[in-house]
Structure formats: structure tokens, C-alpha cells
């Protein structure tokens, strides 16, 4: 699931995160539904050929909220 570009996607600044990877450097990413949704969303969008800039813009518009974690 993890490619270099995927892990280095910057997130909106919150909770001290600088990238998707930073969410998972401790336990935070395993407990935060927002981080999990953003990770699944970013992975899906990369597979669809979206650029990191396009994915960041989509995350900024909260498009990751369409992810249903129970379906992943």
C-alpha cells in the first residue's frame, strides 16, 4: 500500500502532522479516523492517477470524508 509519494503527501496542519507518514510514526494514526480516511483516500486517488497537488486540494475540501472505514 505504501509508496514513497504516498507517505510524503503533506496534510493539512493539525496535531503536529507534516505528512501521512507522520500520522503513523506513533500510535496516533491507528486511533484517528480522520488520518485513516485521509490515508485510504490518498491511496485511492494516487491509484486513479491524481497528482499530489490534486489530492491535497481534495483533502482540503474534505473529500476524504466519503471514505467508509468499515468498507476498507
PDB file of N, CA and C in Angstrom:
ATOM      1  N   UNK A   1       0.817  -1.196   0.000  1.00  0.00           N
ATOM      2  CA  UNK A   1       0.000   0.000   0.000  1.00  0.00           C
ATOM      3  C   UNK A   1       0.860   1.258   0.000  1.00  0.00           C
ATOM      4  N   UNK A   2       2.031   1.232   0.546  1.00  0.00           N
ATOM      5  CA  UNK A   2       2.772   2.457   0.770  1.00  0.00           C
ATOM      6  C   UNK A   2       3.869   2.663  -0.268  1.00  0.00           C
ATOM      7  N   UNK A   3       3.757   3.731  -1.007  1.00  0.00           N
ATOM      8  CA  UNK A   3       4.836   4.152  -1.881  1.00  0.00           C
ATOM      9  C   UNK A   3       5.445   5.404  -1.283  1.00  0.00           C
ATOM     10  N   UNK A   4       6.609   5.773  -1.753  1.00  0.00           N
ATOM     11  CA  UNK A   4       7.264   6.967  -1.226  1.00  0.00           C
ATOM     12  C   UNK A   4       6.396   8.191  -1.406  1.00  0.00           C
ATOM     13  N   UNK A   5       5.810   8.375  -2.595  1.00  0.00           N
ATOM     14  CA  UNK A   5       4.994   9.565  -2.826  1.00  0.00           C
ATOM     15  C   UNK A   5       3.764   9.573  -1.937  1.00  0.00           C
ATOM     16  N   UNK A   6       3.198   8.411  -1.686  1.00  0.00           N
ATOM     17  CA  UNK A   6       2.028   8.307  -0.813  1.00  0.00           C
ATOM     18  C   UNK A   6       2.364   8.747   0.604  1.00  0.00           C
ATOM     19  N   UNK A   7       3.465   8.252   1.128  1.00  0.00           N
ATOM     20  CA  UNK A   7       3.827   8.560   2.504  1.00  0.00           C
ATOM     21  C   UNK A   7       4.229  10.009   2.694  1.00  0.00           C
ATOM     22  N   UNK A   8       4.701  10.658   1.648  1.00  0.00           N
ATOM     23  CA  UNK A   8       5.190  12.020   1.786  1.00  0.00           C
ATOM     24  C   UNK A   8       4.136  13.071   1.486  1.00  0.00           C
ATOM     25  N   UNK A   9       2.900  12.659   1.215  1.00  0.00           N
ATOM     26  CA  UNK A   9       1.863  13.656   0.947  1.00  0.00           C
ATOM     27  C   UNK A   9       1.653  14.538   2.161  1.00  0.00           C
ATOM     28  N   UNK A  10       1.817  15.836   2.002  1.00  0.00           N
ATOM     29  CA  UNK A  10       1.559  16.730   3.125  1.00  0.00           C
ATOM     30  C   UNK A  10       0.068  16.760   3.454  1.00  0.00           C
ATOM     31  N   UNK A  11      -0.220  16.916   4.715  1.00  0.00           N
ATOM     32  CA  UNK A  11      -1.597  17.034   5.167  1.00  0.00           C
ATOM     33  C   UNK A  11      -1.863  18.462   5.613  1.00  0.00           C
ATOM     34  N   UNK A  12      -3.132  18.722   5.860  1.00  0.00           N
ATOM     35  CA  UNK A  12      -3.459  19.993   6.481  1.00  0.00           C
ATOM     36  C   UNK A  12      -2.789  20.021   7.856  1.00  0.00           C
ATOM     37  N   UNK A  13      -2.214  21.146   8.232  1.00  0.00           N
ATOM     38  CA  UNK A  13      -1.523  21.189   9.521  1.00  0.00           C
ATOM     39  C   UNK A  13      -2.502  20.987  10.681  1.00  0.00           C
ATOM     40  N   UNK A  14      -2.339  19.912  11.394  1.00  0.00           N
ATOM     41  CA  UNK A  14      -3.113  19.664  12.591  1.00  0.00           C
ATOM     42  C   UNK A  14      -2.430  18.561  13.374  1.00  0.00           C
ATOM     43  N   UNK A  15      -2.549  18.605  14.642  1.00  0.00           N
ATOM     44  CA  UNK A  15      -1.989  17.589  15.533  1.00  0.00           C
ATOM     45  C   UNK A  15      -0.497  17.346  15.283  1.00  0.00           C
ATOM     46  N   UNK A  16       0.209  18.321  14.735  1.00  0.00           N
ATOM     47  CA  UNK A  16       1.639  18.191  14.531  1.00  0.00           C
ATOM     48  C   UNK A  16       2.049  17.344  13.343  1.00  0.00           C
ATOM     49  N   UNK A  17       1.115  16.979  12.474  1.00  0.00           N
ATOM     50  CA  UNK A  17       1.442  16.147  11.322  1.00  0.00           C
ATOM     51  C   UNK A  17       2.026  16.982  10.195  1.00  0.00           C
ATOM     52  N   UNK A  18       2.997  16.397   9.511  1.00  0.00           N
ATOM     53  CA  UNK A  18       3.572  17.039   8.334  1.00  0.00           C
ATOM     54  C   UNK A  18       3.341  16.217   7.078  1.00  0.00           C
ATOM     55  N   UNK A  19       2.956  14.938   7.250  1.00  0.00           N
ATOM     56  CA  UNK A  19       2.718  14.048   6.124  1.00  0.00           C
ATOM     57  C   UNK A  19       1.857  12.890   6.614  1.00  0.00           C
ATOM     58  N   UNK A  20       1.374  12.076   5.690  1.00  0.00           N
ATOM     59  CA  UNK A  20       0.638  10.884   6.107  1.00  0.00           C
ATOM     60  C   UNK A  20       1.521   9.976   6.951  1.00  0.00           C
ATOM     61  N   UNK A  21       2.790   9.900   6.579  1.00  0.00           N
ATOM     62  CA  UNK A  21       3.711   9.058   7.346  1.00  0.00           C
ATOM     63  C   UNK A  21       3.790   9.500   8.796  1.00  0.00           C
ATOM     64  N   UNK A  22       3.816  10.807   9.031  1.00  0.00           N
ATOM     65  CA  UNK A  22       3.954  11.290  10.406  1.00  0.00           C
ATOM     66  C   UNK A  22       2.762  10.892  11.272  1.00  0.00           C
ATOM     67  N   UNK A  23       1.614  10.642  10.658  1.00  0.00           N
ATOM     68  CA  UNK A  23       0.446  10.174  11.419  1.00  0.00           C
ATOM     69  C   UNK A  23       0.697   8.805  12.027  1.00  0.00           C
ATOM     70  N   UNK A  24       1.528   8.017  11.343  1.00  0.00           N
ATOM     71  CA  UNK A  24       1.727   6.628  11.733  1.00  0.00           C
ATOM     72  C   UNK A  24       3.091   6.362  12.366  1.00  0.00           C
ATOM     73  N   UNK A  25       3.811   7.407  12.703  1.00  0.00           N
ATOM     74  CA  UNK A  25       5.101   7.223  13.366  1.00  0.00           C
ATOM     75  C   UNK A  25       4.928   6.838  14.826  1.00  0.00           C
ATOM     76  N   UNK A  26       3.763   7.102  15.365  1.00  0.00           N
ATOM     77  CA  UNK A  26       3.398   6.674  16.711  1.00  0.00           C
ATOM     78  C   UNK A  26       2.066   5.949  16.624  1.00  0.00           C
ATOM     79  N   UNK A  27       1.310   5.953  17.684  1.00  0.00           N
ATOM     80  CA  UNK A  27       0.020   5.269  17.696  1.00  0.00           C
ATOM     81  C   UNK A  27      -1.117   6.120  17.154  1.00  0.00           C
ATOM     82  N   UNK A  28      -0.888   7.404  16.980  1.00  0.00           N
ATOM     83  CA  UNK A  28      -1.976   8.309  16.590  1.00  0.00           C
ATOM     84  C   UNK A  28      -2.753   7.818  15.370  1.00  0.00           C
ATOM     85  N   UNK A  29      -2.069   7.437  14.311  1.00  0.00           N
ATOM     86  CA  UNK A  29      -2.725   7.031  13.075  1.00  0.00           C
ATOM     87  C   UNK A  29      -3.613   5.814  13.229  1.00  0.00           C
ATOM     88  N   UNK A  30      -3.316   4.978  14.199  1.00  0.00           N
ATOM     89  CA  UNK A  30      -4.129   3.781  14.417  1.00  0.00           C
ATOM     90  C   UNK A  30      -5.400   4.089  15.192  1.00  0.00           C
ATOM     91  N   UNK A  31      -5.449   5.275  15.796  1.00  0.00           N
ATOM     92  CA  UNK A  31      -6.587   5.641  16.638  1.00  0.00           C
ATOM     93  C   UNK A  31      -7.426   6.778  16.058  1.00  0.00           C
ATOM     94  N   UNK A  32      -6.959   7.399  14.983  1.00  0.00           N
ATOM     95  CA  UNK A  32      -7.601   8.605  14.444  1.00  0.00           C
ATOM     96  C   UNK A  32      -8.333   8.269  13.144  1.00  0.00           C
ATOM     97  N   UNK A  33      -9.645   8.372  13.154  1.00  0.00           N
ATOM     98  CA  UNK A  33     -10.417   8.042  11.954  1.00  0.00           C
ATOM     99  C   UNK A  33     -10.151   9.036  10.822  1.00  0.00           C
ATOM    100  N   UNK A  34      -9.847  10.278  11.139  1.00  0.00           N
ATOM    101  CA  UNK A  34      -9.546  11.259  10.097  1.00  0.00           C
ATOM    102  C   UNK A  34      -8.265  10.878   9.363  1.00  0.00           C
ATOM    103  N   UNK A  35      -7.228  10.514  10.098  1.00  0.00           N
ATOM    104  CA  UNK A  35      -5.973  10.103   9.466  1.00  0.00           C
ATOM    105  C   UNK A  35      -6.181   8.858   8.614  1.00  0.00           C
ATOM    106  N   UNK A  36      -6.941   7.907   9.130  1.00  0.00           N
ATOM    107  CA  UNK A  36      -7.203   6.680   8.376  1.00  0.00           C
ATOM    108  C   UNK A  36      -7.960   6.984   7.089  1.00  0.00           C
ATOM    109  N   UNK A  37      -8.981   7.836   7.174  1.00  0.00           N
ATOM    110  CA  UNK A  37      -9.742   8.186   5.972  1.00  0.00           C
ATOM    111  C   UNK A  37      -8.867   8.911   4.957  1.00  0.00           C
ATOM    112  N   UNK A  38      -8.029   9.832   5.428  1.00  0.00           N
ATOM    113  CA  UNK A  38      -7.141  10.548   4.513  1.00  0.00           C
ATOM    114  C   UNK A  38      -6.153   9.588   3.855  1.00  0.00           C
ATOM    115  N   UNK A  39      -5.665   8.609   4.590  1.00  0.00           N
ATOM    116  CA  UNK A  39      -4.724   7.646   4.023  1.00  0.00           C
ATOM    117  C   UNK A  39      -5.390   6.791   2.948  1.00  0.00           C
ATOM    118  N   UNK A  40      -6.561   6.245   3.240  1.00  0.00           N
ATOM    119  CA  UNK A  40      -7.272   5.439   2.242  1.00  0.00           C
ATOM    120  C   UNK A  40      -7.660   6.284   1.033  1.00  0.00           C
ATOM    121  N   UNK A  41      -8.084   7.514   1.287  1.00  0.00           N
ATOM    122  CA  UNK A  41      -8.471   8.415   0.195  1.00  0.00           C
ATOM    123  C   UNK A  41      -7.268   8.719  -0.694  1.00  0.00           C
ATOM    124  N   UNK A  42      -6.144   9.080  -0.081  1.00  0.00           N
ATOM    125  CA  UNK A  42      -4.948   9.420  -0.851  1.00  0.00           C
ATOM    126  C   UNK A  42      -4.469   8.226  -1.668  1.00  0.00           C
ATOM    127  N   UNK A  43      -4.494   7.050  -1.081  1.00  0.00           N
ATOM    128  CA  UNK A  43      -4.079   5.845  -1.802  1.00  0.00           C
ATOM    129  C   UNK A  43      -4.980   5.608  -3.009  1.00  0.00           C
ATOM    130  N   UNK A  44      -6.275   5.700  -2.814  1.00  0.00           N
ATOM    131  CA  UNK A  44      -7.220   5.504  -3.916  1.00  0.00           C
ATOM    132  C   UNK A  44      -6.993   6.524  -5.017  1.00  0.00           C
ATOM    133  N   UNK A  45      -6.822   7.772  -4.643  1.00  0.00           N
ATOM    134  CA  UNK A  45      -6.649   8.836  -5.630  1.00  0.00           C
ATOM    135  C   UNK A  45      -5.327   8.682  -6.395  1.00  0.00           C
ATOM    136  N   UNK A  46      -4.259   8.274  -5.715  1.00  0.00           N
ATOM    137  CA  UNK A  46      -2.993   8.009  -6.409  1.00  0.00           C
ATOM    138  C   UNK A  46      -3.167   6.903  -7.436  1.00  0.00           C
ATOM    139  N   UNK A  47      -3.895   5.845  -7.058  1.00  0.00           N
ATOM    140  CA  UNK A  47      -4.138   4.738  -7.982  1.00  0.00           C
ATOM    141  C   UNK A  47      -4.966   5.180  -9.184  1.00  0.00           C
ATOM    142  N   UNK A  48      -5.773   6.219  -9.014  1.00  0.00           N
ATOM    143  CA  UNK A  48      -6.578   6.769 -10.105  1.00  0.00           C
ATOM    144  C   UNK A  48      -5.783   7.762 -10.956  1.00  0.00           C
ATOM    145  N   UNK A  49      -4.517   7.991 -10.602  1.00  0.00           N
ATOM    146  CA  UNK A  49      -3.655   8.861 -11.397  1.00  0.00           C
ATOM    147  C   UNK A  49      -3.638  10.312 -10.987  1.00  0.00           C
ATOM    148  N   UNK A  50      -4.213  10.633  -9.826  1.00  0.00           N
ATOM    149  CA  UNK A  50      -4.212  12.022  -9.364  1.00  0.00           C
ATOM    150  C   UNK A  50      -2.820  12.413  -8.887  1.00  0.00           C
ATOM    151  N   UNK A  51      -2.492  13.681  -9.033  1.00  0.00           N
ATOM    152  CA  UNK A  51      -1.211  14.197  -8.570  1.00  0.00           C
ATOM    153  C   UNK A  51      -1.295  14.514  -7.076  1.00  0.00           C
ATOM    154  N   UNK A  52      -0.138  14.599  -6.408  1.00  0.00           N
ATOM    155  CA  UNK A  52      -0.176  15.005  -5.000  1.00  0.00           C
ATOM    156  C   UNK A  52      -0.884  16.343  -4.789  1.00  0.00           C
ATOM    157  N   UNK A  53      -0.699  17.284  -5.683  1.00  0.00           N
ATOM    158  CA  UNK A  53      -1.367  18.589  -5.544  1.00  0.00           C
ATOM    159  C   UNK A  53      -2.886  18.429  -5.626  1.00  0.00           C
ATOM    160  N   UNK A  54      -3.345  17.595  -6.535  1.00  0.00           N
ATOM    161  CA  UNK A  54      -4.791  17.354  -6.659  1.00  0.00           C
ATOM    162  C   UNK A  54      -5.344  16.665  -5.415  1.00  0.00           C
ATOM    163  N   UNK A  55      -4.575  15.740  -4.879  1.00  0.00           N
ATOM    164  CA  UNK A  55      -5.021  15.024  -3.680  1.00  0.00           C
ATOM    165  C   UNK A  55      -5.065  15.966  -2.487  1.00  0.00           C
ATOM    166  N   UNK A  56      -4.039  16.808  -2.337  1.00  0.00           N
ATOM    167  CA  UNK A  56      -4.049  17.785  -1.236  1.00  0.00           C
ATOM    168  C   UNK A  56      -5.264  18.699  -1.332  1.00  0.00           C
ATOM    169  N   UNK A  57      -5.580  19.149  -2.551  1.00  0.00           N
ATOM    170  CA  UNK A  57      -6.732  20.032  -2.730  1.00  0.00           C
ATOM    171  C   UNK A  57      -8.021  19.305  -2.365  1.00  0.00           C
ATOM    172  N   UNK A  58      -8.129  18.043  -2.749  1.00  0.00           N
ATOM    173  CA  UNK A  58      -9.317  17.264  -2.417  1.00  0.00           C
ATOM    174  C   UNK A  58      -9.447  17.056  -0.915  1.00  0.00           C
ATOM    175  N   UNK A  59      -8.326  16.788  -0.253  1.00  0.00           N
ATOM    176  CA  UNK A  59      -8.349  16.630   1.201  1.00  0.00           C
ATOM    177  C   UNK A  59      -8.742  17.947   1.864  1.00  0.00           C
ATOM    178  N   UNK A  60      -8.239  19.062   1.353  1.00  0.00           N
ATOM    179  CA  UNK A  60      -8.598  20.375   1.900  1.00  0.00           C
ATOM    180  C   UNK A  60     -10.085  20.652   1.770  1.00  0.00           C
ATOM    181  N   UNK A  61     -10.712  20.058   0.759  1.00  0.00           N
ATOM    182  CA  UNK A  61     -12.163  20.201   0.557  1.00  0.00           C
ATOM    183  C   UNK A  61     -12.941  19.078   1.238  1.00  0.00           C
ATOM    184  N   UNK A  62     -12.267  18.331   2.095  1.00  0.00           N
ATOM    185  CA  UNK A  62     -12.877  17.275   2.912  1.00  0.00           C
ATOM    186  C   UNK A  62     -13.469  16.134   2.101  1.00  0.00           C
ATOM    187  N   UNK A  63     -12.961  15.901   0.894  1.00  0.00           N
ATOM    188  CA  UNK A  63     -13.473  14.805   0.079  1.00  0.00           C
ATOM    189  C   UNK A  63     -13.156  13.443   0.673  1.00  0.00           C
ATOM    190  N   UNK A  64     -12.166  13.377   1.558  1.00  0.00           N
ATOM    191  CA  UNK A  64     -11.833  12.120   2.233  1.00  0.00           C
ATOM    192  C   UNK A  64     -12.974  11.626   3.112  1.00  0.00           C
ATOM    193  N   UNK A  65     -13.885  12.520   3.483  1.00  0.00           N
ATOM    194  CA  UNK A  65     -14.993  12.135   4.354  1.00  0.00           C
ATOM    195  C   UNK A  65     -15.940  11.137   3.690  1.00  0.00           C
ATOM    196  N   UNK A  66     -15.797  10.953   2.369  1.00  0.00           N
ATOM    197  CA  UNK A  66     -16.626   9.969   1.670  1.00  0.00           C
ATOM    198  C   UNK A  66     -16.158   8.537   1.942  1.00  0.00           C
ATOM    199  N   UNK A  67     -14.980   8.375   2.531  1.00  0.00           N
ATOM    200  CA  UNK A  67     -14.432   7.045   2.815  1.00  0.00           C
ATOM    201  C   UNK A  67     -15.187   6.440   3.998  1.00  0.00           C
ATOM    202  N   UNK A  68     -15.639   5.214   3.821  1.00  0.00           N
ATOM    203  CA  UNK A  68     -16.281   4.457   4.905  1.00  0.00           C
ATOM    204  C   UNK A  68     -15.241   3.436   5.377  1.00  0.00           C
ATOM    205  N   UNK A  69     -14.714   3.660   6.553  1.00  0.00           N
ATOM    206  CA  UNK A  69     -13.622   2.819   7.038  1.00  0.00           C
ATOM    207  C   UNK A  69     -14.024   1.347   7.153  1.00  0.00           C
ATOM    208  N   UNK A  70     -15.254   1.088   7.491  1.00  0.00           N
ATOM    209  CA  UNK A  70     -15.705  -0.288   7.634  1.00  0.00           C
ATOM    210  C   UNK A  70     -15.676  -1.036   6.308  1.00  0.00           C
ATOM    211  N   UNK A  71     -15.652  -0.317   5.184  1.00  0.00           N
ATOM    212  CA  UNK A  71     -15.626  -0.933   3.858  1.00  0.00           C
ATOM    213  C   UNK A  71     -14.211  -1.169   3.346  1.00  0.00           C
ATOM    214  N   UNK A  72     -13.214  -0.701   4.074  1.00  0.00           N
ATOM    215  CA  UNK A  72     -11.832  -0.789   3.591  1.00  0.00           C
ATOM    216  C   UNK A  72     -11.200  -2.094   4.012  1.00  0.00           C
TER     217      UNK A  72
END
